[in-house]
Amino acid sequence: MSTLAPLRLLRKPWNASEGNQSNTTAGAGGPWCQGLNIPNELFLTLGLVSLVENLLVVAAILKNRNLHSPTYYFICCLAVSDMLVSVSNLVETLFMLLMEHGVLVIHASIVRHMDNVIDMLICSSIMSSLSFLGVIAVDRYITIFYALRYHSIMTLQRAVVTMASVWLASTVSSTIFITYYRNNAILLCLIGFFLFVLVLMLVLYIHMFILSRHHLCSISSQQKQPTIYHSSSLKGTITLTILLGVFFICWGPFFFHLILIVTCPTNPFCTCFFSYFNLFLI
C-alpha cells in the first residue's frame, strides 16, 4: 500500500542508488542500526499537543492589546509557523493511519500530489520558523542597543513588511526545494541557511549577554553588592545556555542528517544514522 512519506528530502540519501543503500544498510548491521519503530499514534499525539500550545500563544497575543507590538507579532508568526508544521504532520499521520488500517483507499497519483503539498507546507513552515527565530533575535538586539530609537526603527509598517517578506520567501524557497529536492545544491542551501541563523543568534545573544553583564557589573560596583551581580550573571548564563542549547538540540539532528546525505550517503555509519530519522522528527 502506498503511504505518504514526509520530508522526502530528509528521509533518503538520494545520492545513493537503492542497491547501494541496501548494501550499506546490511554493512552497517547490528541492533544499533535498526532504527526505532515509532508508532504513528505518538506522532499524532505530539502533533495535537504542539497545535494546542501554539494556538494558545496566538490567541493570547491577539486578545491582549498590550501585546499588540512588533515584538509579539513576530512571536505570533513563529507560533503560526510551528502550528503549520503541527497541522501538516497531523494531516499526514492521520492519512497514514487510515491507509494502514484499510479505512481509506487512495489512488497512488493522488497520494503523490498530497505528498507534494504536505512536503511543501512543512518545508515552508520550517523555513519561516527559522527565519522568525532570527528576526526575533534582531528585534531583541535593536531593543537593547537602540532602546531610545526602537519605535522609530521598528515601526509597525516595517514589521508588517518583514513578516510578509519572510512568508513569501519561505513559500517560494519551499516550492523550489520540493521541486529540486534530489539536487545536492538544494540541501547545501538548507544547511547554509540553518548555519546562518545559528551564527546570527549566537552573535546577537552573546553580544546582548556581554552588555548586560557590563551593566550589572557597573551597578554592583556602585552599590557595592557583588552578590547581586554574580546571581544575575548566573541567571543570564543559564538563560542563554538554555535558549541556544534547546535551539541546537531541536534543529541540529535534522541538519546533521542533511550534511551526511551530502557528504557520505553510502557510508555504513551514515546509513546507520539515517535509520533514526523518525527520532529526530519527534
Protein backbone atom coordinates (compact mmCIF):
# COMPACT_ATOMS: atom_id res chain seq x y z
CA MET A 1 0.00 0.00 0.00
CA SER A 2 1.26 3.46 -0.84
CA THR A 3 1.88 5.69 2.13
CA LEU A 4 2.79 9.30 2.50
CA ALA A 5 6.49 9.97 3.01
CA PRO A 6 7.03 13.19 4.98
CA LEU A 7 10.05 15.35 4.25
CA ARG A 8 11.39 13.14 1.48
CA LEU A 9 14.45 15.34 1.00
CA LEU A 10 15.49 14.39 4.54
CA ARG A 11 14.38 10.77 4.62
CA LYS A 12 16.52 9.26 1.91
CA PRO A 13 20.14 9.78 0.81
CA TRP A 14 19.34 10.44 -2.84
CA ASN A 15 22.95 10.25 -3.95
CA ALA A 16 22.88 6.52 -3.36
CA SER A 17 21.14 4.03 -5.58
CA GLU A 18 18.65 1.64 -4.00
CA GLY A 19 21.05 -1.23 -4.39
CA ASN A 20 23.84 0.65 -2.68
CA GLN A 21 21.52 1.66 0.12
CA SER A 22 20.57 -1.93 0.86
CA ASN A 23 24.23 -2.98 0.79
CA THR A 24 25.33 -0.20 3.12
CA THR A 25 22.47 -0.90 5.48
CA ALA A 26 23.48 -4.52 5.59
CA GLY A 27 27.11 -3.47 6.06
CA ALA A 28 26.21 -1.25 8.97
CA GLY A 29 24.33 -4.15 10.59
CA GLY A 30 23.87 -4.74 14.25
CA PRO A 31 20.99 -3.85 16.56
CA TRP A 32 22.12 -0.22 16.82
CA CYS A 33 21.42 0.38 13.12
CA GLN A 34 17.88 -0.94 13.04
CA GLY A 35 16.44 2.45 13.95
CA LEU A 36 13.39 2.95 16.16
CA ASN A 37 9.90 1.81 15.30
CA ILE A 38 7.92 4.82 16.48
CA PRO A 39 4.13 4.37 16.17
CA ASN A 40 2.15 6.89 14.17
CA GLU A 41 -0.14 7.36 17.18
CA LEU A 42 2.77 9.03 19.01
CA PHE A 43 3.29 11.47 16.13
CA LEU A 44 -0.44 12.19 16.19
CA THR A 45 -0.42 12.88 19.94
CA LEU A 46 2.64 15.14 19.79
CA GLY A 47 1.15 16.99 16.83
CA LEU A 48 -2.05 17.68 18.77
CA VAL A 49 -0.14 18.90 21.84
CA SER A 50 2.02 21.19 19.72
CA LEU A 51 -1.04 22.50 17.87
CA VAL A 52 -2.83 23.39 21.12
CA GLU A 53 0.28 25.04 22.59
CA ASN A 54 0.79 27.29 19.59
CA LEU A 55 -2.91 28.12 19.35
CA LEU A 56 -2.77 29.35 22.94
CA VAL A 57 0.20 31.60 22.10
CA VAL A 58 -1.57 33.07 19.07
CA ALA A 59 -4.83 33.57 20.99
CA ALA A 60 -3.04 35.27 23.90
CA ILE A 61 -1.28 37.74 21.61
CA LEU A 62 -4.37 38.51 19.53
CA LYS A 63 -6.66 39.05 22.54
CA ASN A 64 -4.30 41.07 24.73
CA ARG A 65 -3.99 44.64 23.43
CA ASN A 66 -0.84 45.17 25.50
CA LEU A 67 0.88 42.60 23.27
CA HIS A 68 0.00 44.33 20.01
CA SER A 69 3.55 45.36 19.13
CA PRO A 70 6.12 44.26 16.50
CA THR A 71 7.95 42.06 19.02
CA TYR A 72 4.88 40.00 19.85
CA TYR A 73 3.71 39.94 16.24
CA PHE A 74 7.00 38.22 15.38
CA ILE A 75 6.42 35.74 18.20
CA CYS A 76 2.89 35.19 16.90
CA CYS A 77 4.26 34.45 13.42
CA LEU A 78 6.74 32.00 14.94
CA ALA A 79 3.85 30.23 16.68
CA VAL A 80 1.87 30.14 13.41
CA SER A 81 4.88 28.62 11.62
CA ASP A 82 5.20 25.90 14.24
CA MET A 83 1.45 25.41 14.18
CA LEU A 84 1.55 24.79 10.42
CA VAL A 85 4.22 22.14 10.97
CA SER A 86 1.92 20.50 13.52
CA VAL A 87 -1.10 20.67 11.22
CA SER A 88 0.89 19.22 8.30
CA ASN A 89 2.19 16.34 10.40
CA LEU A 90 -1.27 15.74 11.86
CA VAL A 91 -2.89 15.52 8.42
CA GLU A 92 -0.13 13.31 7.09
CA THR A 93 -0.10 10.98 10.09
CA LEU A 94 -3.89 10.73 10.06
CA PHE A 95 -3.89 9.71 6.40
CA MET A 96 -1.13 7.17 7.06
CA LEU A 97 -3.11 5.62 9.92
CA LEU A 98 -6.31 5.44 7.87
CA MET A 99 -4.48 3.90 4.92
CA GLU A 100 -2.58 1.40 7.07
CA HIS A 101 -5.82 0.17 8.64
CA GLY A 102 -7.58 -0.06 5.27
CA VAL A 103 -10.16 2.58 6.17
CA LEU A 104 -9.05 4.88 3.36
CA VAL A 105 -8.00 3.80 -0.12
CA ILE A 106 -6.48 6.50 -2.32
CA HIS A 107 -5.06 6.24 -5.82
CA ALA A 108 -1.26 6.40 -6.00
CA SER A 109 -1.28 9.56 -8.14
CA ILE A 110 -3.45 11.37 -5.58
CA VAL A 111 -1.12 10.26 -2.80
CA ARG A 112 1.84 11.75 -4.68
CA HIS A 113 0.04 15.08 -5.12
CA MET A 114 -0.89 15.12 -1.44
CA ASP A 115 2.70 14.28 -0.58
CA ASN A 116 3.94 17.25 -2.64
CA VAL A 117 1.51 19.67 -1.00
CA ILE A 118 2.26 18.49 2.55
CA ASP A 119 6.03 18.44 1.95
CA MET A 120 5.88 21.99 0.60
CA LEU A 121 3.83 23.16 3.59
CA ILE A 122 6.20 21.51 6.08
CA CYS A 123 9.28 22.88 4.33
CA SER A 124 7.76 26.37 4.15
CA SER A 125 6.87 26.21 7.85
CA ILE A 126 10.39 25.13 8.78
CA MET A 127 11.93 27.94 6.74
CA SER A 128 9.60 30.55 8.23
CA SER A 129 10.13 29.21 11.75
CA LEU A 130 13.91 29.52 11.45
CA SER A 131 13.54 32.94 9.83
CA PHE A 132 11.34 34.31 12.61
CA LEU A 133 13.76 33.00 15.25
CA GLY A 134 16.40 35.13 13.53
CA VAL A 135 14.04 38.11 13.22
CA ILE A 136 13.17 37.90 16.94
CA ALA A 137 16.89 37.88 17.81
CA VAL A 138 17.45 41.00 15.67
CA ASP A 139 14.40 42.68 17.23
CA ARG A 140 15.71 41.98 20.75
CA TYR A 141 19.12 43.33 19.73
CA ILE A 142 17.60 46.59 18.48
CA THR A 143 15.53 46.85 21.69
CA ILE A 144 18.65 46.68 23.87
CA PHE A 145 21.24 48.58 21.85
CA TYR A 146 18.91 51.19 20.32
CA ALA A 147 16.29 51.44 23.06
CA LEU A 148 15.53 55.15 22.58
CA ARG A 149 15.17 54.77 18.81
CA TYR A 150 13.44 51.37 18.80
CA HIS A 151 9.95 52.64 17.96
CA SER A 152 11.27 54.74 15.09
CA ILE A 153 13.40 51.86 13.75
CA MET A 154 10.92 49.02 14.17
CA THR A 155 7.69 50.66 13.08
CA LEU A 156 4.50 48.68 12.54
CA GLN A 157 4.84 49.18 8.77
CA ARG A 158 8.37 47.75 8.75
CA ALA A 159 7.25 44.85 10.94
CA VAL A 160 4.45 44.02 8.51
CA VAL A 161 6.84 44.21 5.54
CA THR A 162 9.29 41.95 7.38
CA MET A 163 6.62 39.37 8.19
CA ALA A 164 5.22 39.39 4.65
CA SER A 165 8.73 39.06 3.19
CA VAL A 166 9.53 36.07 5.41
CA TRP A 167 6.32 34.27 4.48
CA LEU A 168 6.79 35.00 0.76
CA ALA A 169 10.45 33.93 0.75
CA SER A 170 9.60 30.76 2.71
CA THR A 171 6.82 29.81 0.29
CA VAL A 172 8.96 30.41 -2.82
CA SER A 173 12.02 28.64 -1.42
CA SER A 174 9.99 25.63 -0.24
CA THR A 175 8.48 25.27 -3.71
CA ILE A 176 11.98 25.27 -5.22
CA PHE A 177 13.26 22.82 -2.59
CA ILE A 178 10.46 20.31 -3.18
CA THR A 179 10.77 20.62 -6.96
CA TYR A 180 14.53 20.04 -6.99
CA TYR A 181 14.90 18.02 -3.80
CA ARG A 182 17.24 15.48 -5.45
CA ASN A 183 19.85 18.17 -6.09
CA ASN A 184 22.65 18.46 -3.53
CA ALA A 185 22.73 22.22 -4.09
CA ILE A 186 19.27 22.42 -2.51
CA LEU A 187 20.44 20.55 0.56
CA LEU A 188 23.52 22.78 0.80
CA CYS A 189 21.26 25.86 0.70
CA LEU A 190 19.20 24.48 3.58
CA ILE A 191 22.33 23.68 5.58
CA GLY A 192 23.76 27.13 4.85
CA PHE A 193 20.54 28.82 5.95
CA PHE A 194 20.48 26.90 9.23
CA LEU A 195 24.13 27.77 9.93
CA PHE A 196 23.43 31.43 9.12
CA VAL A 197 20.53 31.58 11.60
CA LEU A 198 22.58 29.73 14.23
CA VAL A 199 25.56 32.09 13.89
CA LEU A 200 23.26 35.13 13.84
CA MET A 201 21.59 34.07 17.08
CA LEU A 202 24.93 33.21 18.71
CA VAL A 203 26.49 36.56 17.84
CA LEU A 204 23.48 38.71 18.78
CA TYR A 205 22.55 36.95 22.01
CA ILE A 206 26.15 36.68 23.23
CA HIS A 207 26.66 40.38 22.48
CA MET A 208 23.49 41.22 24.41
CA PHE A 209 24.63 38.98 27.26
CA ILE A 210 28.03 40.71 27.42
CA LEU A 211 26.33 44.13 27.54
CA SER A 212 24.01 43.04 30.34
CA ARG A 213 26.98 41.71 32.32
CA HIS A 214 28.76 45.03 31.85
CA HIS A 215 25.72 46.95 33.12
CA LEU A 216 25.30 44.61 36.08
CA CYS A 217 28.98 44.97 36.93
CA SER A 218 28.70 48.77 36.85
CA ILE A 219 25.57 48.75 39.05
CA SER A 220 27.01 46.30 41.58
CA SER A 221 30.28 48.24 41.84
CA GLN A 222 28.36 51.45 42.56
CA GLN A 223 26.15 49.78 45.15
CA LYS A 224 28.99 47.55 46.43
CA GLN A 225 26.82 44.42 46.23
CA PRO A 226 28.81 41.79 44.28
CA THR A 227 26.39 39.01 45.24
CA ILE A 228 23.63 40.64 43.16
CA TYR A 229 25.99 40.78 40.17
CA HIS A 230 27.01 37.13 40.48
CA SER A 231 23.41 35.96 40.97
CA SER A 232 22.08 37.90 37.96
CA SER A 233 25.07 36.90 35.86
CA LEU A 234 24.47 33.23 36.66
CA LYS A 235 20.79 33.50 35.76
CA GLY A 236 21.69 35.20 32.48
CA THR A 237 24.21 32.49 31.65
CA ILE A 238 21.67 29.76 32.37
CA THR A 239 19.00 31.51 30.27
CA LEU A 240 21.35 31.98 27.32
CA THR A 241 22.56 28.38 27.54
CA ILE A 242 19.00 27.05 27.59
CA LEU A 243 17.92 29.28 24.70
CA LEU A 244 20.76 28.38 22.34
CA GLY A 245 21.07 24.82 23.65
CA VAL A 246 17.44 23.93 23.00
CA PHE A 247 17.61 25.54 19.56
CA PHE A 248 20.65 23.45 18.61
CA ILE A 249 19.34 20.22 20.15
CA CYS A 250 15.98 20.54 18.37
CA TRP A 251 17.29 21.52 14.94
CA GLY A 252 20.81 20.04 14.98
CA PRO A 253 19.90 16.39 14.16
CA PHE A 254 17.81 17.48 11.16
CA PHE A 255 20.63 19.40 9.57
CA PHE A 256 23.33 16.94 10.59
CA HIS A 257 21.19 14.41 8.71
CA LEU A 258 21.32 16.70 5.66
CA ILE A 259 25.10 17.09 5.94
CA LEU A 260 25.54 13.31 5.98
CA ILE A 261 23.26 12.92 2.95
CA VAL A 262 25.52 15.30 1.03
CA THR A 263 28.89 14.06 2.31
CA CYS A 264 28.53 10.30 2.86
CA PRO A 265 25.25 8.86 1.53
CA THR A 266 26.64 5.33 1.09
CA ASN A 267 28.87 5.12 4.17
CA PRO A 268 27.69 2.38 6.60
CA PHE A 269 27.94 4.68 9.63
CA CYS A 270 25.95 7.41 7.88
CA THR A 271 23.34 4.87 6.81
CA CYS A 272 23.07 3.78 10.43
CA PHE A 273 22.44 7.41 11.42
CA PHE A 274 19.75 7.73 8.71
CA SER A 275 17.74 4.91 10.31
CA TYR A 276 17.00 7.16 13.31
CA PHE A 277 15.26 9.85 11.26
CA ASN A 278 11.87 9.34 12.97
CA LEU A 279 13.51 10.01 16.34
CA PHE A 280 14.89 13.31 15.02
CA LEU A 281 11.49 14.16 13.56
CA ILE A 282 9.97 13.87 17.04
